[in-house]
Amino acid sequence: MKDTTKIYSISASEHTAAMKEFVIGSWQPVEGEAIYVALEHPNWAPWLEASAATLAGRARVFPHGQLVIKDLAGQYAASLSMNQILWDGQIAHLPSWDAVAGDPTDYSKTHNVMGNALVMMSVNVAPACKGKHMPTNLIAYAKVVANGLGMEHLLGSFRPSGFGQAKKAHGHDLNFGAYCWSKQEGTGKPIDPWLRSLAWNGLELLAVDPAAMTVKVSIGEFEEYKAQYKPDAWIEVAEGKWECEEVGTWNIDSNNGIAVYVESNVWGKIPLY
């Protein structure tokens, strides 16, 4: 494995113009609460967000993989959380997002110091910093980290950000894989906004991650989500099947008193050159 003492050095040519107003590095465990409030909570549905304790735990388990961008006043602009795994290069052997994250999702049970692949697990951008090329800069630094650690692969089980709205527009009957591979006229890039952003950074789509994230809660907790999170967005599209403009779908198991959320993602690879 390569020396990691200078993995965050990066040439000026790799910065976007916007990054002159920001600094990037790895977050510390003590920053877990601040990152949760500024970046994690505003970007995720409550059943998917990582807690402050989880964010702190990731920084303890794999500090090189937890990147954060701050402005010159120290305000949080964006973050990228990564884990290190061993992958044999076969698409059929790609795990699920949940399998890479582990339970708890602080990577304490899944981080492999002998791994040859970095997996981009989540990217968060502060509302005020959207449109300032934060993901592009995070990916540029992720490549530096990956190369500094001697990785062979930079992967992600990516969440297509527009799929929830696309499902709604198609009467909640839309094939996930077909959507992910659909191209935008004129650019030839994915129609999905997040996948398109990744494509400009060299993304190669590999395979659907059909049950990337699975969350089981009591029906009581599910009803709380319906009342508190986007209350006007919820619709029962079939008996016991609920949509709320998110990528995944809720299914109600009344016999066992639980609600199960299942979300598909799509595996992709970012070139390291």
C-alpha atoms as a PDB file:
ATOM      1  CA  MET A   1       0.000   0.000   0.000  1.00  0.00           C
ATOM      2  CA  LYS A   2       1.256   3.484  -0.838  1.00  0.00           C
ATOM      3  CA  ASP A   3       2.285   6.129   1.681  1.00  0.00           C
ATOM      4  CA  THR A   4      -0.824   8.065   2.733  1.00  0.00           C
ATOM      5  CA  THR A   5       0.759  11.047   4.444  1.00  0.00           C
ATOM      6  CA  LYS A   6       0.227  13.326   1.448  1.00  0.00           C
ATOM      7  CA  ILE A   7      -2.896  11.921  -0.156  1.00  0.00           C
ATOM      8  CA  TYR A   8      -4.717  15.244   0.016  1.00  0.00           C
ATOM      9  CA  SER A   9      -2.178  17.184  -2.079  1.00  0.00           C
ATOM     10  CA  ILE A  10      -3.752  18.262  -5.360  1.00  0.00           C
ATOM     11  CA  SER A  11      -2.600  20.518  -8.162  1.00  0.00           C
ATOM     12  CA  ALA A  12      -4.152  23.923  -8.757  1.00  0.00           C
ATOM     13  CA  SER A  13      -5.327  22.799 -12.204  1.00  0.00           C
ATOM     14  CA  GLU A  14      -7.636  20.270 -10.561  1.00  0.00           C
ATOM     15  CA  HIS A  15      -9.556  22.961  -8.695  1.00  0.00           C
ATOM     16  CA  THR A  16     -12.623  24.587 -10.224  1.00  0.00           C
ATOM     17  CA  ALA A  17     -12.763  28.364 -10.000  1.00  0.00           C
ATOM     18  CA  ALA A  18     -15.418  28.076  -7.274  1.00  0.00           C
ATOM     19  CA  MET A  19     -13.037  26.120  -5.054  1.00  0.00           C
ATOM     20  CA  LYS A  20     -10.887  29.200  -4.492  1.00  0.00           C
ATOM     21  CA  GLU A  21     -13.453  30.072  -1.836  1.00  0.00           C
ATOM     22  CA  PHE A  22     -13.345  26.649  -0.155  1.00  0.00           C
ATOM     23  CA  VAL A  23     -11.008  24.175   1.507  1.00  0.00           C
ATOM     24  CA  ILE A  24     -11.248  20.401   1.562  1.00  0.00           C
ATOM     25  CA  GLY A  25      -9.988  17.726   3.924  1.00  0.00           C
ATOM     26  CA  SER A  26     -11.152  14.825   6.061  1.00  0.00           C
ATOM     27  CA  TRP A  27     -13.685  15.383   8.819  1.00  0.00           C
ATOM     28  CA  GLN A  28     -12.930  14.497  12.408  1.00  0.00           C
ATOM     29  CA  PRO A  29     -15.127  12.426  14.759  1.00  0.00           C
ATOM     30  CA  VAL A  30     -15.883  15.526  16.814  1.00  0.00           C
ATOM     31  CA  GLU A  31     -17.544  17.064  13.736  1.00  0.00           C
ATOM     32  CA  GLY A  32     -20.213  14.381  13.450  1.00  0.00           C
ATOM     33  CA  GLU A  33     -22.996  16.502  14.964  1.00  0.00           C
ATOM     34  CA  ALA A  34     -22.159  19.601  12.909  1.00  0.00           C
ATOM     35  CA  ILE A  35     -22.017  17.630   9.653  1.00  0.00           C
ATOM     36  CA  TYR A  36     -25.320  15.943  10.496  1.00  0.00           C
ATOM     37  CA  VAL A  37     -27.058  19.292  11.048  1.00  0.00           C
ATOM     38  CA  ALA A  38     -25.525  21.138   8.091  1.00  0.00           C
ATOM     39  CA  LEU A  39     -25.338  18.401   5.443  1.00  0.00           C
ATOM     40  CA  GLU A  40     -26.826  15.014   6.288  1.00  0.00           C
ATOM     41  CA  HIS A  41     -30.218  15.972   7.687  1.00  0.00           C
ATOM     42  CA  PRO A  42     -31.144  18.472   4.928  1.00  0.00           C
ATOM     43  CA  ASN A  43     -30.357  15.951   2.158  1.00  0.00           C
ATOM     44  CA  TRP A  44     -31.937  12.679   3.279  1.00  0.00           C
ATOM     45  CA  ALA A  45     -35.304  11.272   4.228  1.00  0.00           C
ATOM     46  CA  PRO A  46     -35.329  10.547   7.984  1.00  0.00           C
ATOM     47  CA  TRP A  47     -35.300   6.772   7.525  1.00  0.00           C
ATOM     48  CA  LEU A  48     -32.148   6.975   5.383  1.00  0.00           C
ATOM     49  CA  GLU A  49     -30.043   9.651   7.064  1.00  0.00           C
ATOM     50  CA  ALA A  50     -26.954   8.709   9.041  1.00  0.00           C
ATOM     51  CA  SER A  51     -26.935   9.873  12.646  1.00  0.00           C
ATOM     52  CA  ALA A  52     -24.329  12.185  14.117  1.00  0.00           C
ATOM     53  CA  ALA A  53     -22.891   9.208  15.994  1.00  0.00           C
ATOM     54  CA  THR A  54     -22.646   7.219  12.765  1.00  0.00           C
ATOM     55  CA  LEU A  55     -20.857  10.066  10.981  1.00  0.00           C
ATOM     56  CA  ALA A  56     -18.413  10.348  13.859  1.00  0.00           C
ATOM     57  CA  GLY A  57     -17.912   6.578  13.773  1.00  0.00           C
ATOM     58  CA  ARG A  58     -17.061   6.613  10.075  1.00  0.00           C
ATOM     59  CA  ALA A  59     -14.330   9.159  10.748  1.00  0.00           C
ATOM     60  CA  ARG A  60     -12.872   6.885  13.424  1.00  0.00           C
ATOM     61  CA  VAL A  61     -13.055   3.730  11.292  1.00  0.00           C
ATOM     62  CA  PHE A  62     -11.803   5.170   7.999  1.00  0.00           C
ATOM     63  CA  PRO A  63     -10.707   8.806   8.313  1.00  0.00           C
ATOM     64  CA  HIS A  64      -9.178   8.973   4.809  1.00  0.00           C
ATOM     65  CA  GLY A  65     -12.562   8.200   3.294  1.00  0.00           C
ATOM     66  CA  GLN A  66     -14.561  10.993   4.930  1.00  0.00           C
ATOM     67  CA  LEU A  67     -14.167  14.172   2.890  1.00  0.00           C
ATOM     68  CA  VAL A  68     -15.643  17.538   3.734  1.00  0.00           C
ATOM     69  CA  ILE A  69     -15.577  20.919   1.987  1.00  0.00           C
ATOM     70  CA  LYS A  70     -15.859  24.100   4.043  1.00  0.00           C
ATOM     71  CA  ASP A  71     -15.895  27.725   3.019  1.00  0.00           C
ATOM     72  CA  LEU A  72     -13.222  30.099   4.292  1.00  0.00           C
ATOM     73  CA  ALA A  73     -15.418  30.978   7.266  1.00  0.00           C
ATOM     74  CA  GLY A  74     -15.571  27.335   8.310  1.00  0.00           C
ATOM     75  CA  GLN A  75     -19.151  26.710   7.180  1.00  0.00           C
ATOM     76  CA  TYR A  76     -19.888  23.235   5.811  1.00  0.00           C
ATOM     77  CA  ALA A  77     -20.472  23.143   2.043  1.00  0.00           C
ATOM     78  CA  ALA A  78     -20.376  19.459   1.043  1.00  0.00           C
ATOM     79  CA  SER A  79     -19.290  16.010   2.146  1.00  0.00           C
ATOM     80  CA  LEU A  80     -18.445  12.618   0.705  1.00  0.00           C
ATOM     81  CA  SER A  81     -18.353   9.419   2.734  1.00  0.00           C
ATOM     82  CA  MET A  82     -16.453   6.406   1.375  1.00  0.00           C
ATOM     83  CA  ASN A  83     -15.689   2.891   2.556  1.00  0.00           C
ATOM     84  CA  GLN A  84     -12.901   0.507   1.505  1.00  0.00           C
ATOM     85  CA  ILE A  85     -13.771  -3.005   0.325  1.00  0.00           C
ATOM     86  CA  LEU A  86     -12.257  -5.889  -1.589  1.00  0.00           C
ATOM     87  CA  TRP A  87     -13.791  -6.450  -5.043  1.00  0.00           C
ATOM     88  CA  ASP A  88     -12.675  -9.043  -7.580  1.00  0.00           C
ATOM     89  CA  GLY A  89     -13.759  -6.902 -10.527  1.00  0.00           C
ATOM     90  CA  GLN A  90     -16.713  -9.102 -11.469  1.00  0.00           C
ATOM     91  CA  ILE A  91     -19.954  -7.174 -11.834  1.00  0.00           C
ATOM     92  CA  ALA A  92     -21.946 -10.163 -10.607  1.00  0.00           C
ATOM     93  CA  HIS A  93     -20.060  -9.977  -7.299  1.00  0.00           C
ATOM     94  CA  LEU A  94     -20.892  -6.355  -6.501  1.00  0.00           C
ATOM     95  CA  PRO A  95     -22.542  -6.214  -3.053  1.00  0.00           C
ATOM     96  CA  SER A  96     -25.499  -4.052  -2.025  1.00  0.00           C
ATOM     97  CA  TRP A  97     -25.134  -0.580  -0.534  1.00  0.00           C
ATOM     98  CA  ASP A  98     -26.333  -2.028   2.775  1.00  0.00           C
ATOM     99  CA  ALA A  99     -23.680  -4.744   2.649  1.00  0.00           C
ATOM    100  CA  VAL A 100     -20.932  -2.157   2.163  1.00  0.00           C
ATOM    101  CA  ALA A 101     -22.285   0.090   4.930  1.00  0.00           C
ATOM    102  CA  GLY A 102     -22.845  -2.658   7.479  1.00  0.00           C
ATOM    103  CA  ASP A 103     -25.072  -2.567  10.541  1.00  0.00           C
ATOM    104  CA  PRO A 104     -24.464  -0.138  12.143  1.00  0.00           C
ATOM    105  CA  THR A 105     -23.658   1.890   9.037  1.00  0.00           C
ATOM    106  CA  ASP A 106     -20.415   3.304  10.442  1.00  0.00           C
ATOM    107  CA  TYR A 107     -18.323   0.771   8.453  1.00  0.00           C
ATOM    108  CA  SER A 108     -17.010  -0.770  11.680  1.00  0.00           C
ATOM    109  CA  LYS A 109     -18.029  -4.260  10.510  1.00  0.00           C
ATOM    110  CA  THR A 110     -17.266  -3.888   6.811  1.00  0.00           C
ATOM    111  CA  HIS A 111     -14.165  -1.732   6.353  1.00  0.00           C
ATOM    112  CA  ASN A 112     -11.390  -3.851   4.841  1.00  0.00           C
ATOM    113  CA  VAL A 113      -7.885  -2.438   5.258  1.00  0.00           C
ATOM    114  CA  MET A 114      -6.712  -4.884   2.587  1.00  0.00           C
ATOM    115  CA  GLY A 115      -9.395  -3.774   0.157  1.00  0.00           C
ATOM    116  CA  ASN A 116      -8.647  -2.657  -3.394  1.00  0.00           C
ATOM    117  CA  ALA A 117     -11.723  -0.482  -3.967  1.00  0.00           C
ATOM    118  CA  LEU A 118     -13.117   2.735  -2.536  1.00  0.00           C
ATOM    119  CA  VAL A 119     -16.893   2.956  -2.562  1.00  0.00           C
ATOM    120  CA  MET A 120     -18.582   6.355  -2.633  1.00  0.00           C
ATOM    121  CA  MET A 121     -21.465   5.863  -0.194  1.00  0.00           C
ATOM    122  CA  SER A 122     -23.101   9.280   0.050  1.00  0.00           C
ATOM    123  CA  VAL A 123     -22.585  12.823  -1.197  1.00  0.00           C
ATOM    124  CA  ASN A 124     -24.201  15.795   0.505  1.00  0.00           C
ATOM    125  CA  VAL A 125     -24.237  19.406  -0.667  1.00  0.00           C
ATOM    126  CA  ALA A 126     -25.498  22.298   1.439  1.00  0.00           C
ATOM    127  CA  PRO A 127     -28.495  24.028  -0.185  1.00  0.00           C
ATOM    128  CA  ALA A 128     -26.592  27.312  -0.515  1.00  0.00           C
ATOM    129  CA  CYS A 129     -23.718  25.588  -2.317  1.00  0.00           C
ATOM    130  CA  LYS A 130     -25.636  23.721  -5.000  1.00  0.00           C
ATOM    131  CA  GLY A 131     -24.466  24.652  -8.465  1.00  0.00           C
ATOM    132  CA  LYS A 132     -20.907  25.364  -7.295  1.00  0.00           C
ATOM    133  CA  HIS A 133     -19.391  22.110  -8.593  1.00  0.00           C
ATOM    134  CA  MET A 134     -19.066  20.529  -5.164  1.00  0.00           C
ATOM    135  CA  PRO A 135     -19.519  16.929  -6.417  1.00  0.00           C
ATOM    136  CA  THR A 136     -16.885  17.418  -9.127  1.00  0.00           C
ATOM    137  CA  ASN A 137     -14.365  18.608  -6.564  1.00  0.00           C
ATOM    138  CA  LEU A 138     -15.231  15.818  -4.142  1.00  0.00           C
ATOM    139  CA  ILE A 139     -14.721  13.267  -6.905  1.00  0.00           C
ATOM    140  CA  ALA A 140     -11.376  14.859  -7.856  1.00  0.00           C
ATOM    141  CA  TYR A 141     -10.229  14.490  -4.256  1.00  0.00           C
ATOM    142  CA  ALA A 142     -11.660  10.979  -4.038  1.00  0.00           C
ATOM    143  CA  LYS A 143      -9.388  10.050  -6.943  1.00  0.00           C
ATOM    144  CA  VAL A 144      -6.415  11.515  -5.096  1.00  0.00           C
ATOM    145  CA  VAL A 145      -7.317   9.497  -2.002  1.00  0.00           C
ATOM    146  CA  ALA A 146      -7.836   6.322  -4.046  1.00  0.00           C
ATOM    147  CA  ASN A 147      -4.522   6.695  -5.845  1.00  0.00           C
ATOM    148  CA  GLY A 148      -2.741   7.603  -2.620  1.00  0.00           C
ATOM    149  CA  LEU A 149      -4.030   4.428  -0.988  1.00  0.00           C
ATOM    150  CA  GLY A 150      -3.136   2.303  -4.004  1.00  0.00           C
ATOM    151  CA  MET A 151      -6.727   1.452  -4.886  1.00  0.00           C
ATOM    152  CA  GLU A 152      -7.640  -0.275  -8.133  1.00  0.00           C
ATOM    153  CA  HIS A 153     -11.251   0.946  -8.259  1.00  0.00           C
ATOM    154  CA  LEU A 154     -13.423   3.940  -7.341  1.00  0.00           C
ATOM    155  CA  LEU A 155     -17.009   2.701  -7.199  1.00  0.00           C
ATOM    156  CA  GLY A 156     -20.421   3.807  -6.053  1.00  0.00           C
ATOM    157  CA  SER A 157     -23.873   2.407  -5.552  1.00  0.00           C
ATOM    158  CA  PHE A 158     -25.427   5.615  -6.823  1.00  0.00           C
ATOM    159  CA  ARG A 159     -28.886   6.964  -6.063  1.00  0.00           C
ATOM    160  CA  PRO A 160     -30.565   8.463  -9.158  1.00  0.00           C
ATOM    161  CA  SER A 161     -31.897  11.708  -7.727  1.00  0.00           C
ATOM    162  CA  GLY A 162     -34.686  12.210 -10.242  1.00  0.00           C
ATOM    163  CA  PHE A 163     -36.231   8.753 -10.144  1.00  0.00           C
ATOM    164  CA  GLY A 164     -38.852   9.586  -7.504  1.00  0.00           C
ATOM    165  CA  GLN A 165     -40.277  12.428  -9.570  1.00  0.00           C
ATOM    166  CA  ALA A 166     -39.963  10.395 -12.772  1.00  0.00           C
ATOM    167  CA  LYS A 167     -42.006   7.579 -11.222  1.00  0.00           C
ATOM    168  CA  LYS A 168     -44.680  10.068 -10.256  1.00  0.00           C
ATOM    169  CA  ALA A 169     -44.806  11.490 -13.774  1.00  0.00           C
ATOM    170  CA  HIS A 170     -45.254   7.977 -15.202  1.00  0.00           C
ATOM    171  CA  GLY A 171     -48.036   6.935 -12.872  1.00  0.00           C
ATOM    172  CA  HIS A 172     -45.575   5.090 -10.604  1.00  0.00           C
ATOM    173  CA  ASP A 173     -44.960   2.527 -13.313  1.00  0.00           C
ATOM    174  CA  LEU A 174     -41.384   3.062 -14.496  1.00  0.00           C
ATOM    175  CA  ASN A 175     -38.610   0.518 -14.920  1.00  0.00           C
ATOM    176  CA  PHE A 176     -35.669   1.499 -12.741  1.00  0.00           C
ATOM    177  CA  GLY A 177     -32.919   0.092 -14.959  1.00  0.00           C
ATOM    178  CA  ALA A 178     -34.393   1.570 -18.119  1.00  0.00           C
ATOM    179  CA  TYR A 179     -34.535   4.962 -16.413  1.00  0.00           C
ATOM    180  CA  CYS A 180     -30.902   4.803 -15.264  1.00  0.00           C
ATOM    181  CA  TRP A 181     -29.646   3.922 -18.744  1.00  0.00           C
ATOM    182  CA  SER A 182     -31.852   6.452 -20.570  1.00  0.00           C
ATOM    183  CA  LYS A 183     -29.912   9.218 -22.310  1.00  0.00           C
ATOM    184  CA  GLN A 184     -30.530  12.926 -22.602  1.00  0.00           C
ATOM    185  CA  GLU A 185     -30.934  14.231 -26.124  1.00  0.00           C
ATOM    186  CA  GLY A 186     -28.074  16.389 -27.247  1.00  0.00           C
ATOM    187  CA  THR A 187     -25.520  15.329 -24.638  1.00  0.00           C
ATOM    188  CA  GLY A 188     -25.834  11.566 -24.712  1.00  0.00           C
ATOM    189  CA  LYS A 189     -25.565  11.658 -20.922  1.00  0.00           C
ATOM    190  CA  PRO A 190     -28.076  10.084 -18.498  1.00  0.00           C
ATOM    191  CA  ILE A 191     -31.416  11.814 -18.127  1.00  0.00           C
ATOM    192  CA  ASP A 192     -31.096  11.598 -14.358  1.00  0.00           C
ATOM    193  CA  PRO A 193     -29.504  14.764 -12.898  1.00  0.00           C
ATOM    194  CA  TRP A 194     -27.152  13.025 -10.465  1.00  0.00           C
ATOM    195  CA  LEU A 195     -26.116  10.282 -12.851  1.00  0.00           C
ATOM    196  CA  ARG A 196     -25.555  12.935 -15.519  1.00  0.00           C
ATOM    197  CA  SER A 197     -23.307  14.888 -13.159  1.00  0.00           C
ATOM    198  CA  LEU A 198     -21.349  11.718 -12.475  1.00  0.00           C
ATOM    199  CA  ALA A 199     -21.171  10.959 -16.196  1.00  0.00           C
ATOM    200  CA  TRP A 200     -19.418  14.277 -16.812  1.00  0.00           C
ATOM    201  CA  ASN A 201     -16.868  12.937 -14.320  1.00  0.00           C
ATOM    202  CA  GLY A 202     -16.386   9.705 -16.262  1.00  0.00           C
ATOM    203  CA  LEU A 203     -19.023   7.443 -14.718  1.00  0.00           C
ATOM    204  CA  GLU A 204     -19.402   3.992 -16.277  1.00  0.00           C
ATOM    205  CA  LEU A 205     -22.682   2.351 -15.254  1.00  0.00           C
ATOM    206  CA  LEU A 206     -22.200  -1.281 -14.271  1.00  0.00           C
ATOM    207  CA  ALA A 207     -25.379  -2.858 -12.880  1.00  0.00           C
ATOM    208  CA  VAL A 208     -28.550  -2.230 -10.929  1.00  0.00           C
ATOM    209  CA  ASP A 209     -28.256  -2.652  -7.156  1.00  0.00           C
ATOM    210  CA  PRO A 210     -31.847  -3.933  -6.771  1.00  0.00           C
ATOM    211  CA  ALA A 211     -32.122  -3.826  -2.979  1.00  0.00           C
ATOM    212  CA  ALA A 212     -29.426  -1.277  -2.201  1.00  0.00           C
ATOM    213  CA  MET A 213     -31.120  -0.007   0.941  1.00  0.00           C
ATOM    214  CA  THR A 214     -33.761  -1.820   2.978  1.00  0.00           C
ATOM    215  CA  VAL A 215     -35.332  -0.252   6.057  1.00  0.00           C
ATOM    216  CA  LYS A 216     -37.852  -1.989   8.336  1.00  0.00           C
ATOM    217  CA  VAL A 217     -39.875  -0.025  10.872  1.00  0.00           C
ATOM    218  CA  SER A 218     -43.073  -0.489  12.856  1.00  0.00           C
ATOM    219  CA  ILE A 219     -46.281   0.655  11.228  1.00  0.00           C
ATOM    220  CA  GLY A 220     -46.499   3.291  13.952  1.00  0.00           C
ATOM    221  CA  GLU A 221     -43.142   4.729  12.968  1.00  0.00           C
ATOM    222  CA  PHE A 222     -44.168   4.586   9.313  1.00  0.00           C
ATOM    223  CA  GLU A 223     -47.275   6.634  10.122  1.00  0.00           C
ATOM    224  CA  GLU A 224     -45.046   9.205  11.849  1.00  0.00           C
ATOM    225  CA  TYR A 225     -42.947   9.513   8.695  1.00  0.00           C
ATOM    226  CA  LYS A 226     -46.093  10.056   6.642  1.00  0.00           C
ATOM    227  CA  ALA A 227     -47.243  12.817   8.983  1.00  0.00           C
ATOM    228  CA  GLN A 228     -43.904  14.596   9.334  1.00  0.00           C
ATOM    229  CA  TYR A 229     -41.933  14.113   6.096  1.00  0.00           C
ATOM    230  CA  LYS A 230     -43.405  15.683   2.960  1.00  0.00           C
ATOM    231  CA  PRO A 231     -46.939  14.972   4.208  1.00  0.00           C
ATOM    232  CA  ASP A 232     -48.538  16.053   0.922  1.00  0.00           C
ATOM    233  CA  ALA A 233     -46.366  13.738  -1.191  1.00  0.00           C
ATOM    234  CA  TRP A 234     -47.602  10.361   0.064  1.00  0.00           C
ATOM    235  CA  ILE A 235     -49.824   8.241  -2.147  1.00  0.00           C
ATOM    236  CA  GLU A 236     -50.954   4.634  -1.898  1.00  0.00           C
ATOM    237  CA  VAL A 237     -50.408   3.407  -5.454  1.00  0.00           C
ATOM    238  CA  ALA A 238     -51.670  -0.108  -4.706  1.00  0.00           C
ATOM    239  CA  GLU A 239     -52.957  -1.809  -1.596  1.00  0.00           C
ATOM    240  CA  GLY A 240     -50.212  -1.593   1.009  1.00  0.00           C
ATOM    241  CA  LYS A 241     -47.747   0.064  -1.403  1.00  0.00           C
ATOM    242  CA  TRP A 242     -46.796   3.683  -0.775  1.00  0.00           C
ATOM    243  CA  GLU A 243     -44.783   6.250  -2.724  1.00  0.00           C
ATOM    244  CA  CYS A 244     -43.509   9.611  -1.424  1.00  0.00           C
ATOM    245  CA  GLU A 245     -41.380  10.993  -4.284  1.00  0.00           C
ATOM    246  CA  GLU A 246     -38.310   9.109  -3.030  1.00  0.00           C
ATOM    247  CA  VAL A 247     -36.298   6.619  -5.075  1.00  0.00           C
ATOM    248  CA  GLY A 248     -37.612   3.633  -3.124  1.00  0.00           C
ATOM    249  CA  THR A 249     -41.057   2.310  -2.229  1.00  0.00           C
ATOM    250  CA  TRP A 250     -42.751   1.449   1.067  1.00  0.00           C
ATOM    251  CA  ASN A 251     -44.617  -1.840   1.461  1.00  0.00           C
ATOM    252  CA  ILE A 252     -46.902  -2.491   4.427  1.00  0.00           C
ATOM    253  CA  ASP A 253     -46.873  -5.919   6.082  1.00  0.00           C
ATOM    254  CA  SER A 254     -49.989  -5.665   8.246  1.00  0.00           C
ATOM    255  CA  ASN A 255     -49.742  -9.282   9.427  1.00  0.00           C
ATOM    256  CA  ASN A 256     -46.385  -8.597  11.078  1.00  0.00           C
ATOM    257  CA  GLY A 257     -47.020  -4.957  11.935  1.00  0.00           C
ATOM    258  CA  ILE A 258     -44.089  -3.619   9.941  1.00  0.00           C
ATOM    259  CA  ALA A 259     -43.432  -1.329   6.998  1.00  0.00           C
ATOM    260  CA  VAL A 260     -40.504  -2.072   4.672  1.00  0.00           C
ATOM    261  CA  TYR A 261     -38.781   0.487   2.487  1.00  0.00           C
ATOM    262  CA  VAL A 262     -36.726  -0.888  -0.405  1.00  0.00           C
ATOM    263  CA  GLU A 263     -34.635   1.309  -2.671  1.00  0.00           C
ATOM    264  CA  SER A 264     -32.710   0.393  -5.791  1.00  0.00           C
ATOM    265  CA  ASN A 265     -29.472   2.148  -6.727  1.00  0.00           C
ATOM    266  CA  VAL A 266     -27.146   1.653  -9.672  1.00  0.00           C
ATOM    267  CA  TRP A 267     -23.524   0.568  -9.429  1.00  0.00           C
ATOM    268  CA  GLY A 268     -21.007   2.605 -11.355  1.00  0.00           C
ATOM    269  CA  LYS A 269     -17.260   3.085 -11.689  1.00  0.00           C
ATOM    270  CA  ILE A 270     -15.267   6.317 -11.874  1.00  0.00           C
ATOM    271  CA  PRO A 271     -11.913   6.098 -13.719  1.00  0.00           C
ATOM    272  CA  LEU A 272      -8.849   6.783 -11.580  1.00  0.00           C
ATOM    273  CA  TYR A 273      -6.619   8.173 -14.332  1.00  0.00           C
END
